[in-house]
Amino acid sequence: MVDSRRPLNNPRNNDVEELLRNAELRNELEPFYDEAISRINIQHWPLSMENEFLAAMLAWEQAPVLPIYRWFEPELRPPRPDMLDDTDLHDILWEVINKMHQKRIILDFTDHLSDRELYRLIYRDILPSREKKIDSGRNYLHWDCTGTSSDPEIWLRYYATEEEREAWAKTYRQPLPEKSEPPHHRDLPREL
């Protein structure tokens, strides 16, 4: 005998739950609706995938914008770079890198920087940077340590593939820097 008070675990019940969740997410996203949302064609996605996407959008919209050092409890406030000798700096650098990874912050393209240069970049640019703190457990914040927004030479010299270098040269019609191996190899934590 089936207990009529307990919902059956069948596809129809899951469909109803997904539809209800979809309506709830769309309702919560309504204040944030703009043309960017309407450009994404989610009509042919399975409902569970659409709900996952809408939940990620809602998390983005509701996430607080905080300096990265405030993402930590207690706040991540390492010593100033000029206060550290090379040995202490190296140890603290790796401690900070690992703490940042725990908050899903990934440092990309660091091998051209010395430990001191990387520590200085983290201390002066990354930790005070105001970013959306999304606690979904799935998103990563990737920090490009080449500074390519102003000058792509570092990326082109050390990190770009031959195909990327050729495409860049063709697009911008400028000479390429000589391809080189980065001087400081690091095995940094990556996405899990």
N, C-alpha and C. Protein backbone atom coordinates (compact mmCIF):
# COMPACT_ATOMS: atom_id res chain seq x y z
N MET A 1 0.84 -1.18 0.00
CA MET A 1 0.00 0.00 0.00
C MET A 1 0.88 1.25 0.00
N VAL A 2 0.52 2.24 -0.79
CA VAL A 2 1.27 3.47 -0.90
C VAL A 2 0.71 4.50 0.06
N ASP A 3 1.61 5.15 0.80
CA ASP A 3 1.19 6.21 1.72
C ASP A 3 0.90 7.47 0.89
N SER A 4 -0.35 7.90 0.86
CA SER A 4 -0.74 9.03 0.01
C SER A 4 -0.25 10.36 0.56
N ARG A 5 0.21 10.38 1.78
CA ARG A 5 0.73 11.62 2.36
C ARG A 5 2.17 11.89 1.93
N ARG A 6 2.89 10.87 1.49
CA ARG A 6 4.27 11.03 1.05
C ARG A 6 4.32 11.20 -0.46
N PRO A 7 5.00 12.24 -0.95
CA PRO A 7 5.07 12.39 -2.41
C PRO A 7 5.88 11.26 -3.02
N LEU A 8 5.43 10.81 -4.14
CA LEU A 8 6.17 9.79 -4.87
C LEU A 8 7.39 10.43 -5.51
N ASN A 9 8.48 9.71 -5.52
CA ASN A 9 9.69 10.21 -6.15
C ASN A 9 9.68 9.78 -7.60
N ASN A 10 8.98 10.55 -8.41
CA ASN A 10 8.91 10.22 -9.82
C ASN A 10 9.21 11.47 -10.63
N PRO A 11 9.42 11.31 -11.93
CA PRO A 11 9.79 12.45 -12.76
C PRO A 11 8.78 13.60 -12.72
N ARG A 12 7.50 13.28 -12.59
CA ARG A 12 6.52 14.35 -12.58
C ARG A 12 6.67 15.25 -11.36
N ASN A 13 6.94 14.65 -10.19
CA ASN A 13 7.17 15.47 -8.99
C ASN A 13 8.41 16.33 -9.15
N ASN A 14 9.46 15.78 -9.75
CA ASN A 14 10.67 16.56 -9.98
C ASN A 14 10.41 17.69 -10.97
N ASP A 15 9.61 17.43 -12.00
CA ASP A 15 9.26 18.47 -12.97
C ASP A 15 8.52 19.61 -12.30
N VAL A 16 7.59 19.27 -11.43
CA VAL A 16 6.82 20.29 -10.72
C VAL A 16 7.76 21.11 -9.83
N GLU A 17 8.65 20.43 -9.12
CA GLU A 17 9.61 21.14 -8.27
C GLU A 17 10.49 22.07 -9.09
N GLU A 18 10.95 21.60 -10.25
CA GLU A 18 11.79 22.43 -11.12
C GLU A 18 11.00 23.64 -11.63
N LEU A 19 9.74 23.44 -12.01
CA LEU A 19 8.91 24.55 -12.47
C LEU A 19 8.68 25.58 -11.37
N LEU A 20 8.42 25.10 -10.16
CA LEU A 20 8.23 26.01 -9.03
C LEU A 20 9.52 26.79 -8.73
N ARG A 21 10.64 26.08 -8.77
CA ARG A 21 11.93 26.74 -8.54
C ARG A 21 12.21 27.77 -9.63
N ASN A 22 11.86 27.43 -10.88
CA ASN A 22 12.07 28.35 -11.99
C ASN A 22 11.26 29.63 -11.79
N ALA A 23 10.00 29.47 -11.39
CA ALA A 23 9.15 30.65 -11.15
C ALA A 23 9.71 31.50 -10.01
N GLU A 24 10.18 30.84 -8.96
CA GLU A 24 10.76 31.55 -7.82
C GLU A 24 12.01 32.33 -8.24
N LEU A 25 12.90 31.70 -9.00
CA LEU A 25 14.12 32.37 -9.45
C LEU A 25 13.80 33.54 -10.37
N ARG A 26 12.89 33.34 -11.30
CA ARG A 26 12.52 34.43 -12.22
C ARG A 26 11.92 35.61 -11.45
N ASN A 27 11.12 35.31 -10.45
CA ASN A 27 10.53 36.36 -9.62
C ASN A 27 11.62 37.14 -8.87
N GLU A 28 12.58 36.43 -8.31
CA GLU A 28 13.65 37.10 -7.57
C GLU A 28 14.57 37.90 -8.49
N LEU A 29 14.71 37.46 -9.75
CA LEU A 29 15.56 38.17 -10.71
C LEU A 29 14.88 39.37 -11.35
N GLU A 30 13.58 39.47 -11.23
CA GLU A 30 12.83 40.53 -11.90
C GLU A 30 13.41 41.93 -11.66
N PRO A 31 13.79 42.32 -10.44
CA PRO A 31 14.35 43.67 -10.26
C PRO A 31 15.66 43.91 -11.01
N PHE A 32 16.34 42.83 -11.38
CA PHE A 32 17.65 42.96 -12.04
C PHE A 32 17.55 42.78 -13.55
N TYR A 33 16.35 42.55 -14.06
CA TYR A 33 16.17 42.22 -15.47
C TYR A 33 16.63 43.38 -16.36
N ASP A 34 17.43 43.04 -17.35
CA ASP A 34 17.83 44.01 -18.37
C ASP A 34 18.05 43.27 -19.68
N GLU A 35 18.50 43.98 -20.69
CA GLU A 35 18.65 43.37 -22.01
C GLU A 35 19.69 42.26 -22.03
N ALA A 36 20.63 42.25 -21.11
CA ALA A 36 21.65 41.19 -21.08
C ALA A 36 21.00 39.83 -20.81
N ILE A 37 20.00 39.81 -19.97
CA ILE A 37 19.32 38.56 -19.66
C ILE A 37 18.55 38.06 -20.88
N SER A 38 17.90 38.99 -21.59
CA SER A 38 17.08 38.57 -22.73
C SER A 38 17.92 38.10 -23.92
N ARG A 39 19.19 38.43 -23.95
CA ARG A 39 20.06 38.00 -25.05
C ARG A 39 20.44 36.53 -24.96
N ILE A 40 20.30 35.94 -23.80
CA ILE A 40 20.69 34.54 -23.60
C ILE A 40 19.51 33.65 -23.95
N ASN A 41 19.72 32.76 -24.90
CA ASN A 41 18.66 31.87 -25.35
C ASN A 41 18.68 30.59 -24.52
N ILE A 42 17.81 30.58 -23.52
CA ILE A 42 17.76 29.40 -22.65
C ILE A 42 16.50 28.57 -22.92
N GLN A 43 15.80 28.87 -23.99
CA GLN A 43 14.54 28.20 -24.28
C GLN A 43 14.72 26.71 -24.55
N HIS A 44 15.86 26.31 -25.04
CA HIS A 44 16.06 24.91 -25.41
C HIS A 44 16.89 24.14 -24.36
N TRP A 45 17.13 24.78 -23.23
CA TRP A 45 17.86 24.11 -22.16
C TRP A 45 16.90 23.25 -21.34
N PRO A 46 17.41 22.17 -20.76
CA PRO A 46 16.59 21.45 -19.78
C PRO A 46 16.29 22.39 -18.60
N LEU A 47 15.15 22.22 -17.98
CA LEU A 47 14.72 23.11 -16.91
C LEU A 47 15.72 23.14 -15.76
N SER A 48 16.31 22.00 -15.43
CA SER A 48 17.29 21.98 -14.33
C SER A 48 18.51 22.84 -14.67
N MET A 49 18.96 22.82 -15.94
CA MET A 49 20.10 23.63 -16.36
C MET A 49 19.72 25.12 -16.34
N GLU A 50 18.53 25.43 -16.79
CA GLU A 50 18.06 26.82 -16.75
C GLU A 50 18.02 27.32 -15.31
N ASN A 51 17.52 26.49 -14.40
CA ASN A 51 17.45 26.89 -12.99
C ASN A 51 18.84 27.11 -12.40
N GLU A 52 19.77 26.26 -12.78
CA GLU A 52 21.14 26.44 -12.31
C GLU A 52 21.71 27.77 -12.81
N PHE A 53 21.46 28.07 -14.07
CA PHE A 53 21.93 29.33 -14.65
C PHE A 53 21.26 30.52 -13.96
N LEU A 54 19.95 30.47 -13.76
CA LEU A 54 19.24 31.57 -13.10
C LEU A 54 19.72 31.75 -11.66
N ALA A 55 19.98 30.64 -10.97
CA ALA A 55 20.48 30.72 -9.59
C ALA A 55 21.86 31.38 -9.57
N ALA A 56 22.70 31.08 -10.55
CA ALA A 56 24.02 31.72 -10.63
C ALA A 56 23.89 33.21 -10.90
N MET A 57 22.96 33.57 -11.77
CA MET A 57 22.72 35.00 -12.04
C MET A 57 22.23 35.72 -10.79
N LEU A 58 21.34 35.10 -10.05
CA LEU A 58 20.82 35.71 -8.83
C LEU A 58 21.94 35.86 -7.80
N ALA A 59 22.77 34.84 -7.67
CA ALA A 59 23.89 34.92 -6.73
C ALA A 59 24.81 36.08 -7.12
N TRP A 60 25.06 36.25 -8.42
CA TRP A 60 25.89 37.36 -8.90
C TRP A 60 25.26 38.70 -8.53
N GLU A 61 23.97 38.84 -8.81
CA GLU A 61 23.30 40.11 -8.55
C GLU A 61 23.26 40.47 -7.07
N GLN A 62 23.14 39.46 -6.22
CA GLN A 62 23.01 39.71 -4.79
C GLN A 62 24.33 39.72 -4.04
N ALA A 63 25.40 39.36 -4.70
CA ALA A 63 26.70 39.27 -4.02
C ALA A 63 27.19 40.65 -3.60
N PRO A 64 27.74 40.73 -2.39
CA PRO A 64 28.30 42.02 -1.96
C PRO A 64 29.62 42.30 -2.68
N VAL A 65 29.89 43.57 -2.90
CA VAL A 65 31.16 43.99 -3.48
C VAL A 65 32.03 44.44 -2.31
N LEU A 66 33.12 43.70 -2.10
CA LEU A 66 34.00 43.95 -0.96
C LEU A 66 35.46 43.92 -1.41
N PRO A 67 36.33 44.64 -0.70
CA PRO A 67 37.76 44.42 -0.95
C PRO A 67 38.08 42.96 -0.63
N ILE A 68 38.92 42.36 -1.41
CA ILE A 68 39.21 40.93 -1.23
C ILE A 68 39.72 40.63 0.18
N TYR A 69 40.51 41.51 0.75
CA TYR A 69 41.01 41.21 2.10
C TYR A 69 39.88 41.02 3.09
N ARG A 70 38.69 41.58 2.82
CA ARG A 70 37.54 41.44 3.71
C ARG A 70 36.75 40.17 3.46
N TRP A 71 37.15 39.37 2.48
CA TRP A 71 36.50 38.07 2.25
C TRP A 71 36.89 37.08 3.33
N PHE A 72 37.87 37.42 4.13
CA PHE A 72 38.46 36.50 5.10
C PHE A 72 38.06 36.89 6.52
N GLU A 73 38.02 35.88 7.38
CA GLU A 73 37.76 36.10 8.80
C GLU A 73 38.85 35.43 9.61
N PRO A 74 39.73 36.15 10.26
CA PRO A 74 39.84 37.61 10.25
C PRO A 74 40.31 38.12 8.88
N GLU A 75 40.21 39.43 8.69
CA GLU A 75 40.63 40.01 7.43
C GLU A 75 42.06 39.60 7.10
N LEU A 76 42.32 39.38 5.81
CA LEU A 76 43.65 38.97 5.36
C LEU A 76 44.49 40.22 5.17
N ARG A 77 45.32 40.51 6.16
CA ARG A 77 46.17 41.70 6.16
C ARG A 77 47.63 41.29 6.40
N PRO A 78 48.30 40.81 5.35
CA PRO A 78 49.70 40.39 5.53
C PRO A 78 50.60 41.61 5.73
N PRO A 79 51.82 41.38 6.20
CA PRO A 79 52.75 42.48 6.42
C PRO A 79 53.13 43.17 5.10
N ARG A 80 53.50 44.42 5.20
CA ARG A 80 53.94 45.16 4.02
C ARG A 80 55.18 44.49 3.43
N PRO A 81 55.31 44.47 2.11
CA PRO A 81 56.45 43.79 1.47
C PRO A 81 57.81 44.33 1.93
N ASP A 82 57.91 45.61 2.13
CA ASP A 82 59.20 46.19 2.52
C ASP A 82 59.59 45.87 3.95
N MET A 83 58.70 45.24 4.70
CA MET A 83 59.00 44.85 6.08
C MET A 83 59.55 43.43 6.19
N LEU A 84 59.64 42.72 5.06
CA LEU A 84 59.99 41.30 5.09
C LEU A 84 61.30 41.02 4.39
N ASP A 85 62.10 40.13 4.99
CA ASP A 85 63.27 39.64 4.26
C ASP A 85 62.79 38.57 3.28
N ASP A 86 63.68 38.10 2.41
CA ASP A 86 63.27 37.19 1.34
C ASP A 86 62.69 35.87 1.85
N THR A 87 63.26 35.33 2.92
CA THR A 87 62.79 34.05 3.45
C THR A 87 61.38 34.19 4.03
N ASP A 88 61.19 35.21 4.87
CA ASP A 88 59.86 35.43 5.45
C ASP A 88 58.84 35.75 4.36
N LEU A 89 59.25 36.55 3.39
CA LEU A 89 58.35 36.91 2.31
C LEU A 89 57.89 35.67 1.55
N HIS A 90 58.82 34.79 1.24
CA HIS A 90 58.46 33.55 0.52
C HIS A 90 57.44 32.74 1.31
N ASP A 91 57.68 32.56 2.60
CA ASP A 91 56.76 31.76 3.43
C ASP A 91 55.39 32.41 3.53
N ILE A 92 55.36 33.71 3.75
CA ILE A 92 54.08 34.42 3.87
C ILE A 92 53.36 34.45 2.52
N LEU A 93 54.12 34.61 1.43
CA LEU A 93 53.52 34.59 0.10
C LEU A 93 52.73 33.30 -0.11
N TRP A 94 53.34 32.16 0.20
CA TRP A 94 52.65 30.88 -0.02
C TRP A 94 51.48 30.70 0.95
N GLU A 95 51.60 31.23 2.13
CA GLU A 95 50.47 31.19 3.07
C GLU A 95 49.30 32.00 2.50
N VAL A 96 49.58 33.18 1.97
CA VAL A 96 48.54 34.03 1.38
C VAL A 96 47.95 33.37 0.13
N ILE A 97 48.80 32.82 -0.72
CA ILE A 97 48.31 32.14 -1.93
C ILE A 97 47.35 31.01 -1.55
N ASN A 98 47.71 30.23 -0.56
CA ASN A 98 46.84 29.11 -0.14
C ASN A 98 45.54 29.60 0.49
N LYS A 99 45.60 30.67 1.26
CA LYS A 99 44.37 31.24 1.83
C LYS A 99 43.48 31.77 0.72
N MET A 100 44.07 32.42 -0.27
CA MET A 100 43.28 32.93 -1.39
C MET A 100 42.62 31.78 -2.15
N HIS A 101 43.35 30.70 -2.31
CA HIS A 101 42.78 29.54 -3.01
C HIS A 101 41.60 28.98 -2.23
N GLN A 102 41.65 29.00 -0.92
CA GLN A 102 40.52 28.53 -0.11
C GLN A 102 39.27 29.36 -0.37
N LYS A 103 39.45 30.62 -0.77
CA LYS A 103 38.33 31.49 -1.12
C LYS A 103 38.07 31.46 -2.63
N ARG A 104 38.68 30.48 -3.30
CA ARG A 104 38.47 30.24 -4.73
C ARG A 104 39.01 31.39 -5.60
N ILE A 105 40.15 31.93 -5.18
CA ILE A 105 40.84 32.95 -5.95
C ILE A 105 42.06 32.29 -6.57
N ILE A 106 42.14 32.34 -7.88
CA ILE A 106 43.21 31.69 -8.64
C ILE A 106 44.10 32.76 -9.25
N LEU A 107 45.39 32.62 -9.05
CA LEU A 107 46.35 33.54 -9.66
C LEU A 107 46.85 32.91 -10.95
N ASP A 108 46.64 33.61 -12.06
CA ASP A 108 47.08 33.13 -13.36
C ASP A 108 48.28 33.94 -13.83
N PHE A 109 49.19 33.26 -14.54
CA PHE A 109 50.34 33.91 -15.19
C PHE A 109 51.23 34.64 -14.19
N THR A 110 51.84 33.90 -13.29
CA THR A 110 52.70 34.51 -12.26
C THR A 110 54.18 34.22 -12.45
N ASP A 111 54.52 33.32 -13.38
CA ASP A 111 55.89 32.82 -13.45
C ASP A 111 56.91 33.84 -13.96
N HIS A 112 56.48 34.97 -14.45
CA HIS A 112 57.42 36.02 -14.86
C HIS A 112 57.79 36.92 -13.68
N LEU A 113 57.09 36.77 -12.57
CA LEU A 113 57.31 37.61 -11.39
C LEU A 113 58.18 36.91 -10.36
N SER A 114 59.06 37.66 -9.73
CA SER A 114 59.79 37.12 -8.58
C SER A 114 58.81 36.99 -7.41
N ASP A 115 59.21 36.31 -6.35
CA ASP A 115 58.35 36.20 -5.17
C ASP A 115 57.98 37.59 -4.65
N ARG A 116 58.95 38.47 -4.59
CA ARG A 116 58.70 39.81 -4.06
C ARG A 116 57.73 40.58 -4.97
N GLU A 117 57.91 40.46 -6.26
CA GLU A 117 57.00 41.15 -7.19
C GLU A 117 55.58 40.60 -7.08
N LEU A 118 55.44 39.29 -6.97
CA LEU A 118 54.13 38.68 -6.82
C LEU A 118 53.49 39.08 -5.50
N TYR A 119 54.26 39.05 -4.44
CA TYR A 119 53.74 39.45 -3.12
C TYR A 119 53.28 40.91 -3.16
N ARG A 120 54.08 41.75 -3.79
CA ARG A 120 53.72 43.17 -3.91
C ARG A 120 52.42 43.34 -4.71
N LEU A 121 52.27 42.58 -5.78
CA LEU A 121 51.04 42.61 -6.59
C LEU A 121 49.83 42.20 -5.75
N ILE A 122 49.98 41.13 -4.99
CA ILE A 122 48.89 40.67 -4.12
C ILE A 122 48.56 41.74 -3.09
N TYR A 123 49.59 42.26 -2.44
CA TYR A 123 49.42 43.22 -1.35
C TYR A 123 48.80 44.53 -1.84
N ARG A 124 49.31 45.05 -2.94
CA ARG A 124 48.89 46.39 -3.41
C ARG A 124 47.69 46.39 -4.35
N ASP A 125 47.54 45.33 -5.16
CA ASP A 125 46.51 45.34 -6.19
C ASP A 125 45.37 44.37 -5.94
N ILE A 126 45.70 43.15 -5.53
CA ILE A 126 44.65 42.13 -5.43
C ILE A 126 43.85 42.26 -4.14
N LEU A 127 44.51 42.24 -3.00
CA LEU A 127 43.77 42.26 -1.73
C LEU A 127 42.88 43.51 -1.56
N PRO A 128 43.30 44.70 -1.98
CA PRO A 128 42.40 45.85 -1.85
C PRO A 128 41.35 45.96 -2.96
N SER A 129 41.44 45.14 -3.99
CA SER A 129 40.51 45.21 -5.11
C SER A 129 39.09 44.85 -4.66
N ARG A 130 38.14 45.67 -5.05
CA ARG A 130 36.73 45.43 -4.71
C ARG A 130 36.12 44.51 -5.76
N GLU A 131 35.70 43.33 -5.32
CA GLU A 131 35.14 42.32 -6.21
C GLU A 131 33.87 41.74 -5.60
N LYS A 132 33.02 41.18 -6.45
CA LYS A 132 31.82 40.51 -5.96
C LYS A 132 32.22 39.21 -5.28
N LYS A 133 31.76 39.04 -4.06
CA LYS A 133 32.05 37.83 -3.29
C LYS A 133 30.87 36.87 -3.44
N ILE A 134 31.07 35.86 -4.28
CA ILE A 134 30.02 34.88 -4.53
C ILE A 134 30.38 33.58 -3.82
N ASP A 135 29.53 33.17 -2.93
CA ASP A 135 29.80 31.97 -2.13
C ASP A 135 29.04 30.76 -2.66
N SER A 136 29.15 30.51 -3.95
CA SER A 136 28.40 29.39 -4.52
C SER A 136 29.14 28.06 -4.37
N GLY A 137 30.43 28.12 -4.11
CA GLY A 137 31.21 26.89 -4.03
C GLY A 137 31.60 26.34 -5.39
N ARG A 138 31.23 27.02 -6.46
CA ARG A 138 31.56 26.55 -7.80
C ARG A 138 32.32 27.59 -8.61
N ASN A 139 32.20 28.84 -8.24
CA ASN A 139 32.83 29.90 -9.01
C ASN A 139 34.23 30.20 -8.51
N TYR A 140 35.09 30.55 -9.44
CA TYR A 140 36.45 30.98 -9.10
C TYR A 140 36.65 32.39 -9.62
N LEU A 141 37.43 33.16 -8.90
CA LEU A 141 37.88 34.46 -9.37
C LEU A 141 39.30 34.25 -9.88
N HIS A 142 39.50 34.44 -11.17
CA HIS A 142 40.83 34.30 -11.77
C HIS A 142 41.45 35.69 -11.87
N TRP A 143 42.66 35.83 -11.35
CA TRP A 143 43.36 37.10 -11.40
C TRP A 143 44.52 36.98 -12.38
N ASP A 144 44.44 37.73 -13.46
CA ASP A 144 45.48 37.74 -14.48
C ASP A 144 46.63 38.62 -14.00
N CYS A 145 47.74 38.01 -13.69
CA CYS A 145 48.89 38.73 -13.14
C CYS A 145 49.82 39.31 -14.20
N THR A 146 49.39 39.32 -15.46
CA THR A 146 50.21 39.93 -16.51
C THR A 146 49.89 41.39 -16.72
N GLY A 147 48.73 41.82 -16.29
CA GLY A 147 48.33 43.20 -16.54
C GLY A 147 48.11 43.46 -18.02
N THR A 148 47.56 42.48 -18.75
CA THR A 148 47.43 42.58 -20.20
C THR A 148 46.50 43.69 -20.66
N SER A 149 45.71 44.24 -19.76
CA SER A 149 44.78 45.27 -20.21
C SER A 149 45.52 46.48 -20.77
N SER A 150 46.71 46.76 -20.28
CA SER A 150 47.43 47.93 -20.77
C SER A 150 48.55 47.57 -21.75
N ASP A 151 49.21 46.45 -21.51
CA ASP A 151 50.33 46.07 -22.37
C ASP A 151 50.41 44.55 -22.45
N PRO A 152 50.15 43.98 -23.62
CA PRO A 152 50.12 42.52 -23.75
C PRO A 152 51.51 41.88 -23.88
N GLU A 153 52.58 42.64 -23.78
CA GLU A 153 53.91 42.09 -24.05
C GLU A 153 54.26 40.92 -23.14
N ILE A 154 53.95 41.00 -21.86
CA ILE A 154 54.29 39.92 -20.93
C ILE A 154 53.57 38.64 -21.32
N TRP A 155 52.27 38.76 -21.59
CA TRP A 155 51.50 37.59 -21.98
C TRP A 155 52.06 37.02 -23.28
N LEU A 156 52.31 37.87 -24.26
CA LEU A 156 52.84 37.40 -25.54
C LEU A 156 54.21 36.75 -25.39
N ARG A 157 55.06 37.32 -24.56
CA ARG A 157 56.43 36.81 -24.39
C ARG A 157 56.45 35.46 -23.67
N TYR A 158 55.68 35.34 -22.59
CA TYR A 158 55.82 34.18 -21.72
C TYR A 158 54.70 33.14 -21.79
N TYR A 159 53.48 33.55 -22.11
CA TYR A 159 52.35 32.66 -21.90
C TYR A 159 51.55 32.31 -23.15
N ALA A 160 51.51 33.18 -24.13
CA ALA A 160 50.68 32.94 -25.32
C ALA A 160 51.21 31.76 -26.12
N THR A 161 50.29 30.99 -26.67
CA THR A 161 50.68 29.90 -27.56
C THR A 161 51.14 30.51 -28.88
N GLU A 162 51.76 29.71 -29.71
CA GLU A 162 52.20 30.21 -31.02
C GLU A 162 51.00 30.69 -31.84
N GLU A 163 49.89 29.97 -31.77
CA GLU A 163 48.69 30.36 -32.49
C GLU A 163 48.16 31.70 -31.98
N GLU A 164 48.16 31.88 -30.67
CA GLU A 164 47.69 33.14 -30.09
C GLU A 164 48.61 34.30 -30.48
N ARG A 165 49.91 34.02 -30.50
CA ARG A 165 50.87 35.06 -30.89
C ARG A 165 50.65 35.47 -32.35
N GLU A 166 50.48 34.48 -33.23
CA GLU A 166 50.28 34.77 -34.65
C GLU A 166 48.97 35.55 -34.87
N ALA A 167 47.91 35.14 -34.17
CA ALA A 167 46.62 35.84 -34.31
C ALA A 167 46.74 37.29 -33.83
N TRP A 168 47.47 37.49 -32.72
CA TRP A 168 47.65 38.85 -32.20
C TRP A 168 48.43 39.69 -33.21
N ALA A 169 49.52 39.14 -33.75
CA ALA A 169 50.35 39.88 -34.71
C ALA A 169 49.54 40.24 -35.95
N LYS A 170 48.71 39.31 -36.40
CA LYS A 170 47.89 39.55 -37.59
C LYS A 170 46.85 40.64 -37.30
N THR A 171 46.22 40.58 -36.14
CA THR A 171 45.17 41.54 -35.79
C THR A 171 45.74 42.95 -35.58
N TYR A 172 46.84 43.05 -34.84
CA TYR A 172 47.35 44.37 -34.46
C TYR A 172 48.48 44.87 -35.35
N ARG A 173 48.98 43.99 -36.20
CA ARG A 173 50.05 44.36 -37.16
C ARG A 173 51.21 45.06 -36.45
N GLN A 174 51.63 44.42 -35.39
CA GLN A 174 52.78 44.91 -34.63
C GLN A 174 53.76 43.76 -34.45
N PRO A 175 55.04 44.08 -34.26
CA PRO A 175 56.01 43.00 -34.07
C PRO A 175 55.80 42.31 -32.73
N LEU A 176 56.08 41.03 -32.72
CA LEU A 176 55.94 40.23 -31.50
C LEU A 176 57.22 40.29 -30.68
N PRO A 177 57.10 40.28 -29.35
CA PRO A 177 58.30 40.13 -28.53
C PRO A 177 58.84 38.71 -28.67
N GLU A 178 60.12 38.56 -28.43
CA GLU A 178 60.73 37.24 -28.49
C GLU A 178 60.07 36.31 -27.47
N LYS A 179 59.79 35.08 -27.88
CA LYS A 179 59.19 34.08 -26.98
C LYS A 179 60.26 33.63 -25.98
N SER A 180 59.92 33.63 -24.69
CA SER A 180 60.87 33.25 -23.64
C SER A 180 60.19 32.39 -22.59
N GLU A 181 61.00 31.64 -21.88
CA GLU A 181 60.50 30.87 -20.74
C GLU A 181 60.44 31.80 -19.53
N PRO A 182 59.35 31.75 -18.77
CA PRO A 182 59.28 32.58 -17.57
C PRO A 182 60.37 32.18 -16.58
N PRO A 183 60.97 33.13 -15.88
CA PRO A 183 62.10 32.82 -15.00
C PRO A 183 61.76 32.15 -13.67
N HIS A 184 60.50 32.20 -13.24
CA HIS A 184 60.15 31.68 -11.91
C HIS A 184 58.99 30.69 -12.02
N HIS A 185 59.32 29.41 -12.12
CA HIS A 185 58.24 28.42 -12.22
C HIS A 185 57.58 28.20 -10.87
N ARG A 186 56.24 28.29 -10.86
CA ARG A 186 55.47 28.02 -9.64
C ARG A 186 54.38 27.01 -9.98
N ASP A 187 54.14 26.13 -9.04
CA ASP A 187 53.04 25.17 -9.16
C ASP A 187 51.93 25.67 -8.24
N LEU A 188 51.17 26.64 -8.71
CA LEU A 188 50.13 27.26 -7.89
C LEU A 188 48.88 26.40 -7.84
N PRO A 189 48.10 26.55 -6.77
CA PRO A 189 46.83 25.82 -6.71
C PRO A 189 45.91 26.24 -7.85
N ARG A 190 45.18 25.29 -8.40
CA ARG A 190 44.27 25.53 -9.52
C ARG A 190 42.84 25.21 -9.10
N GLU A 191 41.94 25.30 -10.04
CA GLU A 191 40.56 24.93 -9.77
C GLU A 191 40.47 23.45 -9.40
N LEU A 192 39.57 23.15 -8.51
CA LEU A 192 39.39 21.75 -8.09
C LEU A 192 38.40 21.07 -8.98
